[in-house]
Amino acid sequence: MDGVTVVQPIWGGLANIAQLESDGPNGHLELLALRLYNPTAHQWNLNFATSKVGVLNAPAGQALIGEFRDGHMVFYDQEPYEGKAIWIRFTFTSLTPNSAESEQAFSNDGGKTWETNWISKYTRIKEQS
């Protein structure tokens, strides 16, 4: 898929909203990510919604929770998938001022093995005036 993500910082960097619009073989995707920093826990909460569902983190409504470690971010959540509880891992790696990568993976064996099902590569573009 090819697309554009626009990130809007909020609360002086303690939160942000990211809007993704992309197109690929399976059609058009509109995704919203709401990222909230908890200064007490030193962790981020990552919440997703799509324009097709219109609910944050459907169906369970829980946020992925994670933190910066060793130059990357790792988030975890447990969600129902096809009638079974699975673990979700979402990582941000290769963080630079102008680029990053993210990866989503599922585990149905408690985190022993992971199936990667989404990889994104981000490149900052100049703001258009």
Protein backbone atom coordinates (compact mmCIF):
# COMPACT_ATOMS: atom_id res chain seq x y z
CA MET A 1 0.00 0.00 0.00
CA ASP A 2 1.08 3.55 -0.59
CA GLY A 3 -0.21 6.33 1.60
CA VAL A 4 0.32 9.43 3.67
CA THR A 5 0.30 9.77 7.45
CA VAL A 6 -0.21 13.23 8.97
CA VAL A 7 0.73 13.58 12.65
CA GLN A 8 -0.59 16.44 14.80
CA PRO A 9 1.14 16.93 18.19
CA ILE A 10 -1.11 17.76 21.16
CA TRP A 11 -0.44 18.90 24.76
CA GLY A 12 3.14 19.92 24.05
CA GLY A 13 4.07 16.45 22.81
CA LEU A 14 2.30 14.40 25.50
CA ALA A 15 -0.17 13.18 22.85
CA ASN A 16 -0.65 13.13 19.10
CA ILE A 17 -3.14 12.16 16.46
CA ALA A 18 -1.98 10.41 13.31
CA GLN A 19 -4.23 10.13 10.24
CA LEU A 20 -3.32 7.55 7.59
CA GLU A 21 -4.84 7.38 4.13
CA SER A 22 -3.55 4.69 1.80
CA ASP A 23 -4.50 2.65 -1.22
CA GLY A 24 -3.53 -0.87 -2.18
CA PRO A 25 -4.73 -4.12 -3.72
CA ASN A 26 -7.48 -4.48 -1.09
CA GLY A 27 -8.78 -0.93 -1.54
CA HIS A 28 -8.70 2.34 0.37
CA LEU A 29 -7.79 2.51 4.08
CA GLU A 30 -8.41 5.42 6.44
CA LEU A 31 -6.93 4.91 9.89
CA LEU A 32 -6.69 7.15 12.94
CA ALA A 33 -4.14 6.62 15.72
CA LEU A 34 -4.51 8.43 19.03
CA ARG A 35 -1.28 8.24 21.05
CA LEU A 36 -1.33 9.33 24.71
CA TYR A 37 1.64 9.55 27.07
CA ASN A 38 1.18 8.64 30.74
CA PRO A 39 3.91 10.61 32.59
CA THR A 40 3.39 8.66 35.81
CA ALA A 41 3.94 5.24 34.19
CA HIS A 42 6.36 6.59 31.55
CA GLN A 43 4.35 4.66 28.96
CA TRP A 44 2.38 5.43 25.82
CA ASN A 45 -1.14 4.22 25.02
CA LEU A 46 -1.74 3.60 21.33
CA ASN A 47 -5.36 3.57 20.14
CA PHE A 48 -6.58 2.84 16.60
CA ALA A 49 -9.80 3.36 14.66
CA THR A 50 -10.75 3.01 11.02
CA SER A 51 -13.38 4.92 9.08
CA LYS A 52 -15.15 1.61 8.36
CA VAL A 53 -15.65 0.78 12.07
CA GLY A 54 -15.59 4.19 13.77
CA VAL A 55 -14.66 2.81 17.21
CA LEU A 56 -11.28 3.06 18.94
CA ASN A 57 -9.57 -0.34 19.11
CA ALA A 58 -12.63 -2.32 18.07
CA PRO A 59 -13.72 -4.84 19.18
CA ALA A 60 -12.10 -4.93 22.65
CA GLY A 61 -11.63 -1.19 23.14
CA GLN A 62 -8.23 -1.56 24.85
CA ALA A 63 -5.10 0.40 23.99
CA LEU A 64 -1.74 -1.03 23.08
CA ILE A 65 0.63 0.00 25.88
CA GLY A 66 4.36 0.48 25.50
CA GLU A 67 7.46 2.56 26.03
CA PHE A 68 10.79 3.60 24.54
CA ARG A 69 13.55 1.04 25.09
CA ASP A 70 16.96 0.82 23.44
CA GLY A 71 16.03 3.28 20.69
CA HIS A 72 12.68 1.80 19.71
CA MET A 73 9.12 1.53 20.99
CA VAL A 74 7.28 -1.71 21.73
CA PHE A 75 3.53 -1.90 22.45
CA TYR A 76 1.48 -4.94 23.56
CA ASP A 77 -2.21 -5.72 23.85
CA GLN A 78 -4.42 -8.77 24.08
CA GLU A 79 -7.45 -8.83 21.77
CA PRO A 80 -10.06 -11.34 20.62
CA TYR A 81 -9.43 -12.63 17.10
CA GLU A 82 -11.60 -15.25 15.44
CA GLY A 83 -13.02 -16.28 18.81
CA LYS A 84 -9.66 -16.66 20.56
CA ALA A 85 -7.58 -14.25 22.67
CA ILE A 86 -4.29 -13.39 20.95
CA TRP A 87 -1.40 -11.07 21.74
CA ILE A 88 -0.65 -8.10 19.50
CA ARG A 89 2.80 -6.54 19.34
CA PHE A 90 3.37 -3.21 17.60
CA THR A 91 6.91 -1.85 17.27
CA PHE A 92 8.49 1.38 16.02
CA THR A 93 12.14 0.96 15.02
CA SER A 94 14.82 2.81 13.05
CA LEU A 95 13.64 6.09 14.58
CA THR A 96 15.35 9.14 13.06
CA PRO A 97 14.14 12.73 12.64
CA ASN A 98 13.13 11.91 9.05
CA SER A 99 12.21 8.22 9.00
CA ALA A 100 10.90 5.27 10.98
CA GLU A 101 9.56 1.75 10.55
CA SER A 102 6.68 0.01 12.29
CA GLU A 103 5.59 -3.58 12.42
CA GLN A 104 2.48 -5.35 13.73
CA ALA A 105 2.56 -9.02 14.69
CA PHE A 106 0.09 -11.48 16.23
CA SER A 107 0.81 -14.39 18.59
CA ASN A 108 -1.71 -17.11 19.38
CA ASP A 109 0.68 -19.03 21.67
CA GLY A 110 1.25 -16.47 24.44
CA GLY A 111 4.14 -14.69 22.72
CA LYS A 112 6.35 -17.73 21.99
CA THR A 113 6.07 -17.13 18.24
CA TRP A 114 4.91 -14.09 16.26
CA GLU A 115 3.31 -13.71 12.83
CA THR A 116 4.12 -10.34 11.28
CA ASN A 117 1.14 -9.08 9.28
CA TRP A 118 1.86 -5.37 8.73
CA ILE A 119 5.09 -3.47 8.02
CA SER A 120 5.22 0.29 7.41
CA LYS A 121 8.12 2.48 6.34
CA TYR A 122 7.77 6.21 7.02
CA THR A 123 9.65 9.06 5.35
CA ARG A 124 9.10 12.66 6.44
CA ILE A 125 8.20 15.01 3.62
CA LYS A 126 8.44 18.79 3.70
CA GLU A 127 5.30 20.60 4.77
CA GLN A 128 3.46 22.15 1.88
CA SER A 129 2.63 25.83 2.27
